[in-house]
Amino acid sequence: SGSSGERVRKNALVKIMASQKGVTPQILLYSFTMQIGGTPLIGTKSVDFMREDVNALIANKIKWEKDDLVAMASVITQRYE
């Protein structure tokens, strides 16, 4: 996810959405990426983080409403503040 991914994961709206869906911001971001047809890039060296990443890819069962997708897209396309 790189620095852009970090910015998105730390976004207040993303944290709220993740909490509402019962996942971490990281998993929410990966799920969103898959929902729109992308493949999240995994580049961690941490076994724990890699396990979390793989679980997100396998268990992509987050229900996405249209408003959720629009909100995530708006966060991702924001310029750095």
N, C-alpha and C. Protein backbone atom coordinates (compact mmCIF):
# COMPACT_ATOMS: atom_id res chain seq x y z
N SER A 1 0.80 -1.19 0.00
CA SER A 1 0.00 0.00 0.00
C SER A 1 0.85 1.27 0.00
N GLY A 2 2.11 1.16 0.41
CA GLY A 2 3.00 2.31 0.37
C GLY A 2 2.51 3.47 1.21
N SER A 3 3.11 4.65 0.99
CA SER A 3 2.75 5.81 1.79
C SER A 3 1.33 6.27 1.52
N SER A 4 0.86 6.10 0.28
CA SER A 4 -0.52 6.46 -0.04
C SER A 4 -1.48 5.56 0.75
N GLY A 5 -1.18 4.28 0.81
CA GLY A 5 -2.00 3.36 1.58
C GLY A 5 -2.00 3.70 3.05
N GLU A 6 -0.86 4.13 3.55
CA GLU A 6 -0.77 4.51 4.95
C GLU A 6 -1.66 5.73 5.21
N ARG A 7 -1.63 6.69 4.30
CA ARG A 7 -2.46 7.89 4.44
C ARG A 7 -3.93 7.51 4.47
N VAL A 8 -4.33 6.59 3.60
CA VAL A 8 -5.73 6.16 3.54
C VAL A 8 -6.10 5.42 4.82
N ARG A 9 -5.25 4.51 5.28
CA ARG A 9 -5.55 3.74 6.49
C ARG A 9 -5.69 4.62 7.72
N LYS A 10 -5.00 5.76 7.75
CA LYS A 10 -5.06 6.66 8.90
C LYS A 10 -6.19 7.68 8.79
N ASN A 11 -6.90 7.70 7.68
CA ASN A 11 -7.99 8.64 7.46
C ASN A 11 -9.13 8.34 8.44
N ALA A 12 -9.70 9.39 9.02
CA ALA A 12 -10.76 9.23 10.03
C ALA A 12 -11.97 8.49 9.47
N LEU A 13 -12.39 8.81 8.26
CA LEU A 13 -13.55 8.14 7.65
C LEU A 13 -13.27 6.65 7.44
N VAL A 14 -12.07 6.34 7.00
CA VAL A 14 -11.69 4.93 6.79
C VAL A 14 -11.71 4.18 8.11
N LYS A 15 -11.21 4.80 9.16
CA LYS A 15 -11.22 4.16 10.48
C LYS A 15 -12.65 3.90 10.95
N ILE A 16 -13.54 4.86 10.72
CA ILE A 16 -14.95 4.69 11.12
C ILE A 16 -15.58 3.56 10.31
N MET A 17 -15.38 3.58 8.99
CA MET A 17 -15.97 2.53 8.14
C MET A 17 -15.44 1.16 8.53
N ALA A 18 -14.14 1.06 8.79
CA ALA A 18 -13.55 -0.22 9.19
C ALA A 18 -14.18 -0.71 10.49
N SER A 19 -14.32 0.19 11.44
CA SER A 19 -14.92 -0.17 12.72
C SER A 19 -16.36 -0.65 12.53
N GLN A 20 -17.12 0.04 11.70
CA GLN A 20 -18.51 -0.35 11.45
C GLN A 20 -18.60 -1.72 10.80
N LYS A 21 -17.61 -2.06 9.98
CA LYS A 21 -17.63 -3.34 9.28
C LYS A 21 -16.88 -4.44 10.05
N GLY A 22 -16.31 -4.07 11.18
CA GLY A 22 -15.64 -5.06 12.04
C GLY A 22 -14.31 -5.54 11.51
N VAL A 23 -13.60 -4.67 10.79
CA VAL A 23 -12.29 -5.04 10.24
C VAL A 23 -11.29 -3.92 10.53
N THR A 24 -10.03 -4.18 10.24
CA THR A 24 -9.02 -3.14 10.38
C THR A 24 -9.04 -2.25 9.14
N PRO A 25 -8.52 -1.03 9.25
CA PRO A 25 -8.43 -0.18 8.06
C PRO A 25 -7.65 -0.85 6.93
N GLN A 26 -6.62 -1.62 7.25
CA GLN A 26 -5.83 -2.34 6.24
C GLN A 26 -6.71 -3.31 5.45
N ILE A 27 -7.49 -4.11 6.16
CA ILE A 27 -8.36 -5.08 5.50
C ILE A 27 -9.44 -4.36 4.70
N LEU A 28 -9.95 -3.26 5.22
CA LEU A 28 -10.94 -2.49 4.48
C LEU A 28 -10.35 -1.99 3.16
N LEU A 29 -9.13 -1.48 3.21
CA LEU A 29 -8.47 -0.99 2.01
C LEU A 29 -8.25 -2.12 1.00
N TYR A 30 -7.79 -3.27 1.48
CA TYR A 30 -7.60 -4.41 0.57
C TYR A 30 -8.92 -4.86 -0.03
N SER A 31 -9.95 -4.93 0.80
CA SER A 31 -11.25 -5.35 0.31
C SER A 31 -11.78 -4.38 -0.74
N PHE A 32 -11.62 -3.08 -0.48
CA PHE A 32 -12.05 -2.07 -1.45
C PHE A 32 -11.31 -2.26 -2.77
N THR A 33 -10.01 -2.45 -2.68
CA THR A 33 -9.19 -2.64 -3.88
C THR A 33 -9.70 -3.83 -4.69
N MET A 34 -10.02 -4.92 -4.01
CA MET A 34 -10.54 -6.11 -4.71
C MET A 34 -11.94 -5.86 -5.24
N GLN A 35 -12.74 -5.12 -4.51
CA GLN A 35 -14.12 -4.84 -4.91
C GLN A 35 -14.17 -4.08 -6.24
N ILE A 36 -13.17 -3.22 -6.45
CA ILE A 36 -13.16 -2.44 -7.69
C ILE A 36 -12.31 -3.11 -8.78
N GLY A 37 -11.93 -4.37 -8.54
CA GLY A 37 -11.25 -5.15 -9.57
C GLY A 37 -9.74 -5.13 -9.51
N GLY A 38 -9.18 -4.56 -8.45
CA GLY A 38 -7.73 -4.51 -8.31
C GLY A 38 -7.20 -5.65 -7.48
N THR A 39 -5.90 -5.76 -7.44
CA THR A 39 -5.23 -6.75 -6.61
C THR A 39 -4.29 -6.01 -5.69
N PRO A 40 -4.51 -6.11 -4.38
CA PRO A 40 -3.63 -5.40 -3.45
C PRO A 40 -2.20 -5.93 -3.55
N LEU A 41 -1.27 -5.03 -3.51
CA LEU A 41 0.14 -5.43 -3.52
C LEU A 41 0.56 -5.69 -2.08
N ILE A 42 1.19 -6.81 -1.89
CA ILE A 42 1.63 -7.18 -0.54
C ILE A 42 3.14 -7.11 -0.53
N GLY A 43 3.70 -6.25 0.31
CA GLY A 43 5.15 -6.09 0.34
C GLY A 43 5.72 -6.07 1.73
N THR A 44 5.00 -6.64 2.68
CA THR A 44 5.46 -6.61 4.06
C THR A 44 6.52 -7.67 4.31
N LYS A 45 7.37 -7.40 5.27
CA LYS A 45 8.37 -8.38 5.70
C LYS A 45 7.96 -9.02 7.01
N SER A 46 6.84 -8.56 7.59
CA SER A 46 6.36 -9.07 8.86
C SER A 46 5.43 -10.27 8.62
N VAL A 47 5.70 -11.37 9.28
CA VAL A 47 4.87 -12.57 9.14
C VAL A 47 3.45 -12.28 9.63
N ASP A 48 3.32 -11.55 10.72
CA ASP A 48 1.99 -11.22 11.24
C ASP A 48 1.20 -10.38 10.25
N PHE A 49 1.84 -9.38 9.68
CA PHE A 49 1.15 -8.54 8.70
C PHE A 49 0.82 -9.32 7.44
N MET A 50 1.73 -10.18 7.02
CA MET A 50 1.48 -11.01 5.84
C MET A 50 0.29 -11.92 6.08
N ARG A 51 0.20 -12.51 7.27
CA ARG A 51 -0.93 -13.37 7.62
C ARG A 51 -2.24 -12.57 7.55
N GLU A 52 -2.23 -11.36 8.09
CA GLU A 52 -3.41 -10.51 8.04
C GLU A 52 -3.78 -10.18 6.59
N ASP A 53 -2.78 -9.88 5.78
CA ASP A 53 -3.02 -9.57 4.38
C ASP A 53 -3.66 -10.75 3.64
N VAL A 54 -3.10 -11.94 3.86
CA VAL A 54 -3.62 -13.14 3.19
C VAL A 54 -5.04 -13.42 3.67
N ASN A 55 -5.29 -13.29 4.97
CA ASN A 55 -6.64 -13.50 5.49
C ASN A 55 -7.63 -12.53 4.85
N ALA A 56 -7.20 -11.31 4.63
CA ALA A 56 -8.07 -10.32 3.98
C ALA A 56 -8.39 -10.75 2.56
N LEU A 57 -7.41 -11.27 1.88
CA LEU A 57 -7.62 -11.70 0.49
C LEU A 57 -8.55 -12.91 0.43
N ILE A 58 -8.40 -13.82 1.37
CA ILE A 58 -9.22 -15.04 1.39
C ILE A 58 -10.64 -14.76 1.87
N ALA A 59 -10.76 -13.93 2.88
CA ALA A 59 -12.05 -13.73 3.54
C ALA A 59 -12.70 -12.41 3.14
N ASN A 60 -12.63 -12.07 1.88
CA ASN A 60 -13.19 -10.80 1.42
C ASN A 60 -14.71 -10.89 1.42
N LYS A 61 -15.31 -10.74 2.59
CA LYS A 61 -16.76 -10.86 2.73
C LYS A 61 -17.39 -9.56 3.22
N ILE A 62 -16.70 -8.47 3.06
CA ILE A 62 -17.25 -7.18 3.48
C ILE A 62 -18.35 -6.80 2.50
N LYS A 63 -19.48 -6.41 3.04
CA LYS A 63 -20.59 -5.96 2.20
C LYS A 63 -20.38 -4.49 1.87
N TRP A 64 -20.32 -4.20 0.60
CA TRP A 64 -20.09 -2.83 0.14
C TRP A 64 -21.37 -2.26 -0.44
N GLU A 65 -21.83 -1.16 0.16
CA GLU A 65 -22.95 -0.40 -0.38
C GLU A 65 -22.37 0.63 -1.33
N LYS A 66 -23.19 1.13 -2.23
CA LYS A 66 -22.72 2.13 -3.19
C LYS A 66 -22.11 3.33 -2.48
N ASP A 67 -22.77 3.81 -1.42
CA ASP A 67 -22.26 4.97 -0.68
C ASP A 67 -20.89 4.69 -0.06
N ASP A 68 -20.67 3.45 0.40
CA ASP A 68 -19.36 3.06 0.95
C ASP A 68 -18.28 3.17 -0.12
N LEU A 69 -18.59 2.66 -1.30
CA LEU A 69 -17.62 2.68 -2.40
C LEU A 69 -17.28 4.12 -2.79
N VAL A 70 -18.30 4.96 -2.86
CA VAL A 70 -18.09 6.37 -3.21
C VAL A 70 -17.23 7.05 -2.14
N ALA A 71 -17.52 6.78 -0.87
CA ALA A 71 -16.76 7.39 0.23
C ALA A 71 -15.29 6.95 0.18
N MET A 72 -15.05 5.66 -0.02
CA MET A 72 -13.66 5.17 -0.10
C MET A 72 -12.95 5.77 -1.29
N ALA A 73 -13.62 5.83 -2.42
CA ALA A 73 -13.00 6.41 -3.61
C ALA A 73 -12.63 7.86 -3.38
N SER A 74 -13.49 8.60 -2.66
CA SER A 74 -13.18 10.01 -2.41
C SER A 74 -11.97 10.16 -1.50
N VAL A 75 -11.82 9.26 -0.54
CA VAL A 75 -10.66 9.30 0.34
C VAL A 75 -9.39 8.99 -0.44
N ILE A 76 -9.44 7.98 -1.26
CA ILE A 76 -8.26 7.56 -2.02
C ILE A 76 -7.83 8.61 -3.02
N THR A 77 -8.77 9.32 -3.60
CA THR A 77 -8.41 10.30 -4.62
C THR A 77 -8.08 11.67 -4.05
N GLN A 78 -8.20 11.85 -2.74
CA GLN A 78 -7.84 13.12 -2.11
C GLN A 78 -6.34 13.37 -2.26
N ARG A 79 -6.00 14.60 -2.45
CA ARG A 79 -4.57 14.99 -2.44
C ARG A 79 -4.10 15.03 -0.99
N TYR A 80 -2.80 14.95 -0.83
CA TYR A 80 -2.24 15.05 0.52
C TYR A 80 -2.66 16.37 1.13
N GLU A 81 -3.04 16.29 2.40
CA GLU A 81 -3.50 17.51 3.08
C GLU A 81 -2.32 18.30 3.61
